[in-house]
Every structure is written in C-alpha cells, then in structure tokens.
N, C-alpha and C. Protein backbone atom coordinates (compact mmCIF):
# COMPACT_ATOMS: atom_id res chain seq x y z
N MET A 1 26.75 -16.52 0.75
CA MET A 1 25.58 -16.65 0.47
C MET A 1 25.68 -15.68 -0.83
N PRO A 2 24.92 -16.48 -1.97
CA PRO A 2 25.02 -15.72 -3.30
C PRO A 2 23.90 -14.55 -3.10
N ILE A 3 24.05 -13.36 -3.81
CA ILE A 3 23.55 -12.00 -3.96
C ILE A 3 22.20 -12.47 -4.54
N LYS A 4 21.04 -12.03 -3.96
CA LYS A 4 19.69 -12.15 -4.62
C LYS A 4 19.34 -10.83 -5.31
N THR A 5 18.83 -11.07 -6.54
CA THR A 5 18.21 -10.12 -7.47
C THR A 5 16.74 -9.74 -6.74
N LEU A 6 16.47 -8.33 -7.21
CA LEU A 6 14.89 -7.98 -6.80
C LEU A 6 14.07 -8.92 -7.14
N GLN A 7 14.02 -9.61 -8.36
CA GLN A 7 13.09 -10.59 -8.80
C GLN A 7 12.98 -11.68 -7.89
N GLU A 8 14.21 -12.37 -7.43
CA GLU A 8 14.40 -13.48 -6.61
C GLU A 8 13.71 -13.05 -5.11
N LEU A 9 14.03 -11.79 -4.68
CA LEU A 9 13.50 -11.30 -3.30
C LEU A 9 11.97 -11.33 -3.41
N LEU A 10 11.47 -10.88 -4.59
CA LEU A 10 10.16 -10.68 -4.65
C LEU A 10 9.47 -12.01 -4.95
N ALA A 11 9.85 -13.06 -5.44
CA ALA A 11 9.26 -14.28 -5.53
C ALA A 11 9.39 -14.86 -4.15
N GLU A 12 10.53 -14.87 -3.40
CA GLU A 12 10.44 -15.45 -2.33
C GLU A 12 9.33 -14.54 -1.30
N ALA A 13 9.30 -13.37 -1.26
CA ALA A 13 8.40 -12.68 -0.58
C ALA A 13 6.81 -13.08 -1.12
N LYS A 14 6.59 -13.19 -2.19
CA LYS A 14 5.01 -13.39 -2.81
C LYS A 14 4.78 -14.74 -2.35
N ALA A 15 5.86 -15.68 -2.19
CA ALA A 15 5.27 -17.17 -1.81
C ALA A 15 5.15 -17.13 -0.26
N ASN A 16 5.40 -16.07 0.37
CA ASN A 16 5.20 -16.28 1.98
C ASN A 16 4.09 -15.37 2.62
N VAL A 17 3.49 -14.63 1.54
CA VAL A 17 2.62 -13.56 2.10
C VAL A 17 1.16 -13.94 1.43
N GLY A 18 0.08 -13.60 1.96
CA GLY A 18 -1.23 -13.61 1.46
C GLY A 18 -1.57 -12.48 0.46
N HIS A 19 -2.64 -12.71 -0.29
CA HIS A 19 -2.98 -11.44 -1.17
C HIS A 19 -4.49 -11.38 -0.88
N ILE A 20 -4.88 -10.09 -0.99
CA ILE A 20 -6.28 -9.88 -0.95
C ILE A 20 -6.92 -8.88 -1.90
N SER A 21 -7.79 -9.19 -2.53
CA SER A 21 -8.50 -8.35 -3.47
C SER A 21 -9.23 -7.11 -2.96
N PRO A 22 -9.30 -6.20 -3.74
CA PRO A 22 -9.98 -5.08 -3.68
C PRO A 22 -11.52 -5.37 -2.69
N ASP A 23 -12.10 -6.18 -3.47
CA ASP A 23 -13.67 -6.63 -3.22
C ASP A 23 -13.53 -7.25 -1.71
N GLU A 24 -12.48 -7.98 -1.55
CA GLU A 24 -12.23 -8.79 -0.10
C GLU A 24 -11.91 -7.68 1.03
N LEU A 25 -11.10 -6.82 0.58
CA LEU A 25 -10.81 -5.56 1.56
C LEU A 25 -11.98 -4.79 1.82
N MET A 26 -12.91 -4.54 0.86
CA MET A 26 -13.85 -3.77 1.47
C MET A 26 -14.82 -4.58 2.22
N GLU A 27 -15.05 -5.78 1.97
CA GLU A 27 -15.88 -6.75 2.91
C GLU A 27 -15.25 -6.66 4.30
N ALA A 28 -13.86 -6.89 4.29
CA ALA A 28 -13.40 -7.06 5.70
C ALA A 28 -13.70 -5.76 6.45
N GLY A 29 -13.55 -4.51 5.87
CA GLY A 29 -13.96 -3.21 6.72
C GLY A 29 -12.94 -3.03 7.78
N ASP A 30 -13.41 -2.74 8.93
CA ASP A 30 -12.53 -2.32 9.94
C ASP A 30 -11.79 -3.52 10.72
N SER A 31 -11.82 -4.73 10.23
CA SER A 31 -11.34 -6.04 10.88
C SER A 31 -9.89 -6.13 10.42
N VAL A 32 -9.18 -5.15 9.63
CA VAL A 32 -7.89 -5.08 9.25
C VAL A 32 -7.23 -3.73 9.47
N ILE A 33 -6.07 -3.72 9.66
CA ILE A 33 -5.17 -2.57 9.50
C ILE A 33 -4.64 -2.48 8.15
N LEU A 34 -4.82 -1.38 7.64
CA LEU A 34 -4.39 -1.03 6.13
C LEU A 34 -3.02 -0.20 6.19
N LEU A 35 -2.03 -0.82 5.84
CA LEU A 35 -0.90 0.28 5.85
C LEU A 35 -0.48 0.50 4.34
N ASP A 36 -0.32 1.78 4.42
CA ASP A 36 0.18 2.46 3.07
C ASP A 36 1.52 2.61 3.17
N VAL A 37 2.29 1.81 2.35
CA VAL A 37 3.83 1.77 2.55
C VAL A 37 4.46 2.74 1.53
N ARG A 38 3.80 3.52 0.82
CA ARG A 38 4.36 4.49 0.01
C ARG A 38 4.86 5.64 0.73
N ASP A 39 5.65 6.51 0.02
CA ASP A 39 6.10 7.66 0.87
C ASP A 39 5.16 8.62 1.24
N GLU A 40 5.38 9.35 2.30
CA GLU A 40 4.22 10.25 2.87
C GLU A 40 3.84 11.34 1.76
N PRO A 41 4.59 11.82 1.14
CA PRO A 41 3.76 12.69 -0.05
C PRO A 41 2.85 12.01 -0.72
N ASP A 42 3.09 10.97 -1.19
CA ASP A 42 2.16 10.04 -2.06
C ASP A 42 0.66 9.88 -1.06
N TYR A 43 1.05 9.45 0.17
CA TYR A 43 0.02 9.30 1.06
C TYR A 43 -0.94 10.49 1.05
N ASP A 44 -0.19 11.38 1.50
CA ASP A 44 -1.01 12.74 1.62
C ASP A 44 -1.74 13.37 0.47
N GLU A 45 -1.15 12.79 -0.76
CA GLU A 45 -2.01 13.38 -1.96
C GLU A 45 -3.18 12.61 -2.17
N GLU A 46 -3.08 11.18 -1.84
CA GLU A 46 -4.22 10.46 -1.85
C GLU A 46 -3.97 8.96 -1.59
N HIS A 47 -4.97 8.51 -0.76
CA HIS A 47 -4.82 7.17 -0.15
C HIS A 47 -6.01 6.45 0.02
N LEU A 48 -5.95 5.12 0.29
CA LEU A 48 -7.29 4.53 0.55
C LEU A 48 -7.95 4.75 1.73
N PRO A 49 -9.38 4.85 1.94
CA PRO A 49 -9.96 5.26 3.17
C PRO A 49 -9.38 4.16 4.40
N ASN A 50 -9.29 5.00 5.42
CA ASN A 50 -8.74 4.33 6.57
C ASN A 50 -7.30 3.64 6.78
N ALA A 51 -6.59 4.13 5.61
CA ALA A 51 -5.29 3.61 5.57
C ALA A 51 -4.44 4.30 6.50
N VAL A 52 -3.42 3.75 7.12
CA VAL A 52 -2.41 4.46 8.03
C VAL A 52 -1.08 4.43 7.16
N SER A 53 -0.38 5.76 7.22
CA SER A 53 0.90 5.90 6.38
C SER A 53 1.95 5.22 7.37
N LEU A 54 2.58 4.28 6.64
CA LEU A 54 3.93 3.69 7.37
C LEU A 54 4.81 3.32 6.28
N PRO A 55 5.78 4.23 5.85
CA PRO A 55 6.53 4.30 4.65
C PRO A 55 7.46 2.92 4.81
N ARG A 56 7.70 2.23 3.82
CA ARG A 56 8.48 0.90 3.62
C ARG A 56 9.67 1.26 4.63
N GLY A 57 10.18 2.38 4.52
CA GLY A 57 11.59 2.57 5.20
C GLY A 57 11.57 2.63 6.96
N TYR A 58 10.28 2.68 7.21
CA TYR A 58 9.86 2.81 8.67
C TYR A 58 9.23 1.58 9.20
N ILE A 59 8.93 0.46 8.47
CA ILE A 59 8.11 -0.64 9.02
C ILE A 59 9.01 -1.27 10.22
N GLU A 60 10.02 -1.53 10.12
CA GLU A 60 10.67 -2.20 11.42
C GLU A 60 10.74 -1.41 12.49
N LEU A 61 10.83 -0.16 12.24
CA LEU A 61 10.89 0.94 13.39
C LEU A 61 9.45 1.17 14.16
N ASP A 62 8.53 1.34 13.28
CA ASP A 62 7.21 1.80 13.87
C ASP A 62 6.00 0.68 13.86
N ILE A 63 6.08 -0.40 13.52
CA ILE A 63 5.18 -1.31 13.44
C ILE A 63 4.44 -1.39 14.81
N ASP A 64 5.57 -1.57 15.87
CA ASP A 64 4.86 -1.80 17.05
C ASP A 64 3.97 -0.82 17.91
N GLU A 65 4.07 0.40 17.24
CA GLU A 65 3.33 1.67 17.42
C GLU A 65 2.05 1.46 16.87
N THR A 66 1.97 1.03 15.52
CA THR A 66 0.86 1.02 14.87
C THR A 66 -0.11 -0.35 14.89
N VAL A 67 0.62 -1.50 15.08
CA VAL A 67 -0.24 -2.64 15.26
C VAL A 67 0.25 -3.18 16.70
N THR A 68 -0.73 -3.22 17.55
CA THR A 68 -0.23 -3.57 19.08
C THR A 68 -0.57 -4.99 19.03
N ASP A 69 -1.57 -5.90 18.21
CA ASP A 69 -1.73 -7.10 18.63
C ASP A 69 -1.21 -7.72 17.07
N GLU A 70 -0.23 -8.81 17.50
CA GLU A 70 0.52 -9.60 16.21
C GLU A 70 -0.55 -10.36 15.54
N ASN A 71 -1.63 -10.63 16.22
CA ASN A 71 -2.59 -11.56 15.38
C ASN A 71 -3.62 -10.67 14.39
N THR A 72 -3.35 -9.34 14.62
CA THR A 72 -4.43 -8.49 13.74
C THR A 72 -3.98 -8.60 12.35
N HIS A 73 -4.98 -8.71 11.36
CA HIS A 73 -5.07 -8.86 9.91
C HIS A 73 -4.55 -7.58 9.41
N ILE A 74 -3.12 -7.61 8.87
CA ILE A 74 -2.46 -6.45 8.44
C ILE A 74 -2.70 -6.45 6.78
N VAL A 75 -2.90 -5.44 6.00
CA VAL A 75 -2.85 -5.38 4.73
C VAL A 75 -2.14 -4.31 4.15
N THR A 76 -0.97 -4.75 3.33
CA THR A 76 0.11 -3.67 2.91
C THR A 76 -0.42 -3.37 1.55
N TYR A 77 -0.02 -1.91 0.93
CA TYR A 77 -0.26 -1.66 -0.46
C TYR A 77 0.85 -0.56 -0.62
N CYS A 78 0.93 -0.26 -1.96
CA CYS A 78 2.08 0.50 -2.37
C CYS A 78 1.44 1.08 -3.81
N GLY A 79 2.14 1.42 -4.56
CA GLY A 79 1.59 1.89 -5.96
C GLY A 79 1.22 0.55 -6.76
N GLY A 80 2.19 -0.21 -6.93
CA GLY A 80 1.75 -1.49 -7.86
C GLY A 80 2.03 -2.74 -7.07
N GLY A 81 2.81 -2.83 -5.99
CA GLY A 81 2.81 -4.15 -5.35
C GLY A 81 4.34 -4.55 -4.73
N THR A 82 5.32 -3.97 -5.34
CA THR A 82 6.69 -4.31 -4.98
C THR A 82 6.91 -4.08 -3.55
N ARG A 83 7.02 -2.66 -3.17
CA ARG A 83 7.09 -2.48 -1.62
C ARG A 83 6.02 -2.87 -0.83
N ALA A 84 4.87 -3.17 -1.26
CA ALA A 84 4.14 -3.86 -0.17
C ALA A 84 4.45 -5.28 -0.18
N THR A 85 4.73 -5.86 -1.06
CA THR A 85 5.17 -7.29 -0.98
C THR A 85 6.29 -7.47 -0.12
N LEU A 86 7.34 -6.49 -0.23
CA LEU A 86 8.62 -6.53 0.67
C LEU A 86 8.09 -6.35 1.97
N SER A 87 7.32 -5.35 2.25
CA SER A 87 6.78 -4.77 3.59
C SER A 87 6.10 -6.20 4.13
N ALA A 88 5.34 -6.77 3.70
CA ALA A 88 4.46 -8.03 4.14
C ALA A 88 5.53 -8.82 4.59
N HIS A 89 6.35 -9.09 3.63
CA HIS A 89 7.34 -10.39 3.99
C HIS A 89 8.22 -9.97 5.14
N THR A 90 8.65 -8.75 5.40
CA THR A 90 9.49 -8.26 6.56
C THR A 90 8.41 -8.45 7.64
N LEU A 91 7.12 -8.04 7.55
CA LEU A 91 6.41 -8.06 8.71
C LEU A 91 6.21 -9.66 9.24
N ARG A 92 6.13 -10.51 8.31
CA ARG A 92 6.04 -12.01 8.60
C ARG A 92 7.28 -12.43 9.27
N ASN A 93 8.48 -11.84 8.88
CA ASN A 93 9.77 -12.13 9.31
C ASN A 93 9.86 -11.70 10.84
N MET A 94 9.05 -10.86 11.23
CA MET A 94 9.11 -10.17 12.37
C MET A 94 8.08 -10.91 13.34
N GLY A 95 7.19 -11.64 12.90
CA GLY A 95 6.30 -12.49 13.60
C GLY A 95 4.89 -12.36 13.49
N TYR A 96 4.53 -11.17 12.57
CA TYR A 96 3.20 -11.02 12.30
C TYR A 96 2.59 -12.11 11.29
N GLU A 97 1.80 -12.99 11.69
CA GLU A 97 1.40 -14.13 10.84
C GLU A 97 0.31 -13.72 9.91
N ASN A 98 -0.55 -12.77 10.12
CA ASN A 98 -1.79 -12.59 9.33
C ASN A 98 -1.52 -11.34 8.41
N VAL A 99 -0.75 -11.44 7.23
CA VAL A 99 -0.26 -10.32 6.62
C VAL A 99 -0.77 -10.50 5.21
N SER A 100 -1.33 -9.58 4.59
CA SER A 100 -1.81 -9.84 3.20
C SER A 100 -1.32 -8.42 2.26
N VAL A 101 -1.23 -8.62 1.07
CA VAL A 101 -0.88 -7.67 0.09
C VAL A 101 -1.94 -7.42 -0.86
N LEU A 102 -2.39 -6.04 -1.09
CA LEU A 102 -3.67 -5.82 -1.72
C LEU A 102 -3.23 -6.03 -3.10
N THR A 103 -3.97 -6.68 -4.01
CA THR A 103 -3.92 -7.28 -5.39
C THR A 103 -3.82 -5.94 -6.13
N GLY A 104 -3.07 -5.56 -6.80
CA GLY A 104 -3.05 -4.37 -7.78
C GLY A 104 -2.57 -3.08 -7.27
N GLY A 105 -2.57 -3.17 -5.92
CA GLY A 105 -1.93 -1.90 -5.28
C GLY A 105 -2.73 -0.70 -5.63
N PHE A 106 -2.22 0.58 -5.28
CA PHE A 106 -3.13 1.71 -5.23
C PHE A 106 -3.53 2.12 -6.81
N ARG A 107 -2.58 1.80 -7.71
CA ARG A 107 -3.15 1.90 -9.11
C ARG A 107 -4.13 0.81 -9.37
N GLY A 108 -4.27 -0.29 -9.02
CA GLY A 108 -5.32 -1.09 -9.41
C GLY A 108 -6.61 -0.60 -8.65
N TRP A 109 -6.39 0.08 -7.37
CA TRP A 109 -7.62 0.50 -6.74
C TRP A 109 -8.26 1.57 -7.38
N LYS A 110 -7.42 2.50 -7.90
CA LYS A 110 -7.76 3.60 -8.77
C LYS A 110 -8.42 3.26 -9.89
N ALA A 111 -7.87 2.35 -10.85
CA ALA A 111 -8.41 1.89 -11.94
C ALA A 111 -9.79 1.34 -11.94
N ALA A 112 -10.01 0.66 -10.57
CA ALA A 112 -11.49 -0.07 -10.52
C ALA A 112 -12.42 1.19 -9.92
N GLU A 113 -11.73 2.49 -9.99
CA GLU A 113 -12.75 3.68 -9.49
C GLU A 113 -13.39 3.51 -8.02
N LEU A 114 -12.41 2.95 -7.36
CA LEU A 114 -12.85 2.75 -5.89
C LEU A 114 -12.55 4.09 -5.09
N PRO A 115 -13.32 3.99 -3.85
CA PRO A 115 -12.95 5.43 -3.05
C PRO A 115 -11.68 5.70 -2.52
N THR A 116 -11.28 7.04 -2.47
CA THR A 116 -9.98 7.36 -1.84
C THR A 116 -10.08 8.59 -1.21
N GLU A 117 -9.05 8.70 -0.19
CA GLU A 117 -9.19 10.22 0.44
C GLU A 117 -7.75 10.81 0.30
N LYS A 118 -7.88 12.21 0.66
CA LYS A 118 -6.66 12.95 0.76
C LYS A 118 -6.45 13.20 2.25
N ALA A 119 -5.08 13.70 2.44
CA ALA A 119 -4.71 13.84 3.93
C ALA A 119 -5.55 14.71 4.54
N ASP A 120 -6.06 15.89 3.92
CA ASP A 120 -6.73 16.69 4.72
C ASP A 120 -8.36 16.52 4.66
N ASP A 121 -8.69 15.52 4.15
CA ASP A 121 -10.16 14.97 4.31
C ASP A 121 -10.56 14.60 5.68
C-alpha cells in the first residue's frame, strides 16, 4: 500500500464527513455533542460553550464514555480543522454515522466573535 501524505488523508477524510457552520451549530443547540479535539491546555484556556474536551489522541480510547448512542450528532472542532477532520473521519470508521466538522474551527468561531468559555467558568 502506498504511503499517503497528510493532504491525501485530509482529502479522503473531508469527502467522508459532514460540515456544519457556526450558525447551524448554534441553531442545533443541545441536539449535538460538541467535541473539542485540541489538547487539554487549549480547551482549558478557552473553548466553545458546552464543548467536551476529547483530545485527538484519545478519540478511540474514550469516545464510548462520551457518546453512548452512536446515532447522536457529533460535531468536532480544533483550531482550524485538520485535527477535527481526521477525528471525525476516525469516528465514521468506528461506526458513528452522524459526524460533522465545525467549519472554520475555533479560530473561525472567535473571528466571528461568537461566545466562548474558560474551563473555570
């Protein structure tokens, strides 16, 4: 099997996962589980409201504790989209069918001046 570049892996992942805009995410409210796949210090510093911290390296290990119903709509996000896209693709491969990536990631959310929280809030 030939070695794939990051760009090839991302292209494959993007083709297999959905995307959700910040406006759509805000409208969805509590009907989604929002996964922050950045490292925990980034999450602790600032994150989207109601987001659950599940760093990229722990997706396979801990997803079943975070999402108990495989039909739940899961939205992943990171700083810009790479880790979130790869995480969403992994979740799809694990059998979670309803997975989306937040368009623009955390940086896009912040640029739009949408609400965030800190871990101590």
